[in-house]
Every structure is written in structure tokens, then in C-alpha cells.
């Protein structure tokens, strides 16, 4: 019976880890991808405009 109690924690962790990976893979792409890409593009554009403004202010 000791072997069962020794194997339960790794098996439970493996099941939860596999579930986590499946959720991560399922949430990639689709409508979520478009929203994430738009958010990243907006952040990059904002950073670029700040960089240009500081560079223009120095000159």
C-alpha cells in the first residue's frame, strides 16, 4: 500500500500539468490571438511614439 501513496502525488501533478498544457494550447490562435496581437501592436506603437518624441525633444 505504500507504493500507492508514493505514486499518487506525481500522478496527480502529471494530470494537472497535462490539463494546463491543453488549456494553453487551446487558447492559442482564433479570436484571442487577434486581440492579443492588437494589444501588442498598440503597446509597440505607443513605445515607438514615446521613443520618437524623446529623440525629437533632444535635438
C-alpha atoms as a PDB file:
ATOM      1  CA  UNK A   1       0.000   0.000   0.000  1.00  0.00           C
ATOM      2  CA  UNK A   2       2.969   2.323   0.447  1.00  0.00           C
ATOM      3  CA  UNK A   3       3.619   2.288  -3.285  1.00  0.00           C
ATOM      4  CA  UNK A   4       0.131   3.682  -3.939  1.00  0.00           C
ATOM      5  CA  UNK A   5       0.663   6.607  -1.576  1.00  0.00           C
ATOM      6  CA  UNK A   6       4.087   7.175  -3.159  1.00  0.00           C
ATOM      7  CA  UNK A   7       2.667   7.269  -6.698  1.00  0.00           C
ATOM      8  CA  UNK A   8      -0.440   9.392  -6.109  1.00  0.00           C
ATOM      9  CA  UNK A   9       1.235  12.845  -5.847  1.00  0.00           C
ATOM     10  CA  UNK A  10       3.281  12.523  -9.073  1.00  0.00           C
ATOM     11  CA  UNK A  11       0.285  11.145 -10.963  1.00  0.00           C
ATOM     12  CA  UNK A  12      -1.961  13.969  -9.735  1.00  0.00           C
ATOM     13  CA  UNK A  13       0.661  16.564 -10.647  1.00  0.00           C
ATOM     14  CA  UNK A  14       1.091  14.995 -14.089  1.00  0.00           C
ATOM     15  CA  UNK A  15      -2.663  15.092 -14.729  1.00  0.00           C
ATOM     16  CA  UNK A  16      -2.890  18.759 -13.726  1.00  0.00           C
ATOM     17  CA  UNK A  17       0.195  19.614 -15.796  1.00  0.00           C
ATOM     18  CA  UNK A  18      -1.267  17.931 -18.876  1.00  0.00           C
ATOM     19  CA  UNK A  19      -4.508  19.824 -18.297  1.00  0.00           C
ATOM     20  CA  UNK A  20      -2.616  23.099 -18.036  1.00  0.00           C
ATOM     21  CA  UNK A  21      -0.756  22.429 -21.279  1.00  0.00           C
ATOM     22  CA  UNK A  22      -4.027  21.577 -23.034  1.00  0.00           C
ATOM     23  CA  UNK A  23      -5.608  24.839 -21.872  1.00  0.00           C
ATOM     24  CA  UNK A  24      -2.581  26.833 -23.032  1.00  0.00           C
ATOM     25  CA  UNK A  25      -2.609  25.161 -26.447  1.00  0.00           C
ATOM     26  CA  UNK A  26      -6.377  25.587 -26.870  1.00  0.00           C
ATOM     27  CA  UNK A  27      -6.255  29.302 -26.076  1.00  0.00           C
ATOM     28  CA  UNK A  28      -3.640  29.977 -28.752  1.00  0.00           C
ATOM     29  CA  UNK A  29      -4.988  31.275 -32.027  1.00  0.00           C
ATOM     30  CA  UNK A  30      -8.512  32.190 -33.010  1.00  0.00           C
ATOM     31  CA  UNK A  31     -10.232  35.327 -31.770  1.00  0.00           C
ATOM     32  CA  UNK A  32      -7.943  35.524 -28.752  1.00  0.00           C
ATOM     33  CA  UNK A  33      -4.893  35.666 -30.994  1.00  0.00           C
ATOM     34  CA  UNK A  34      -6.242  38.666 -32.883  1.00  0.00           C
ATOM     35  CA  UNK A  35      -6.957  40.544 -29.639  1.00  0.00           C
ATOM     36  CA  UNK A  36      -3.538  39.699 -28.202  1.00  0.00           C
ATOM     37  CA  UNK A  37      -1.796  40.737 -31.422  1.00  0.00           C
ATOM     38  CA  UNK A  38      -3.695  44.026 -31.448  1.00  0.00           C
ATOM     39  CA  UNK A  39      -2.722  44.713 -27.837  1.00  0.00           C
ATOM     40  CA  UNK A  40       0.939  44.004 -28.564  1.00  0.00           C
ATOM     41  CA  UNK A  41       0.877  46.158 -31.696  1.00  0.00           C
ATOM     42  CA  UNK A  42      -0.682  49.032 -29.729  1.00  0.00           C
ATOM     43  CA  UNK A  43       1.940  48.737 -26.979  1.00  0.00           C
ATOM     44  CA  UNK A  44       4.768  48.693 -29.523  1.00  0.00           C
ATOM     45  CA  UNK A  45       3.332  51.710 -31.347  1.00  0.00           C
ATOM     46  CA  UNK A  46       2.994  53.584 -28.056  1.00  0.00           C
ATOM     47  CA  UNK A  47       6.594  52.785 -27.103  1.00  0.00           C
ATOM     48  CA  UNK A  48       7.798  53.809 -30.550  1.00  0.00           C
ATOM     49  CA  UNK A  49       5.982  57.148 -30.376  1.00  0.00           C
ATOM     50  CA  UNK A  50       7.466  57.849 -26.935  1.00  0.00           C
ATOM     51  CA  UNK A  51      10.920  56.977 -28.220  1.00  0.00           C
ATOM     52  CA  UNK A  52      10.497  59.302 -31.216  1.00  0.00           C
ATOM     53  CA  UNK A  53       9.164  62.115 -29.026  1.00  0.00           C
ATOM     54  CA  UNK A  54      12.120  61.908 -26.640  1.00  0.00           C
ATOM     55  CA  UNK A  55      14.556  61.759 -29.553  1.00  0.00           C
ATOM     56  CA  UNK A  56      12.950  64.808 -31.201  1.00  0.00           C
ATOM     57  CA  UNK A  57      12.988  66.701 -27.909  1.00  0.00           C
ATOM     58  CA  UNK A  58      16.742  66.091 -27.535  1.00  0.00           C
ATOM     59  CA  UNK A  59      17.539  67.507 -30.980  1.00  0.00           C
END
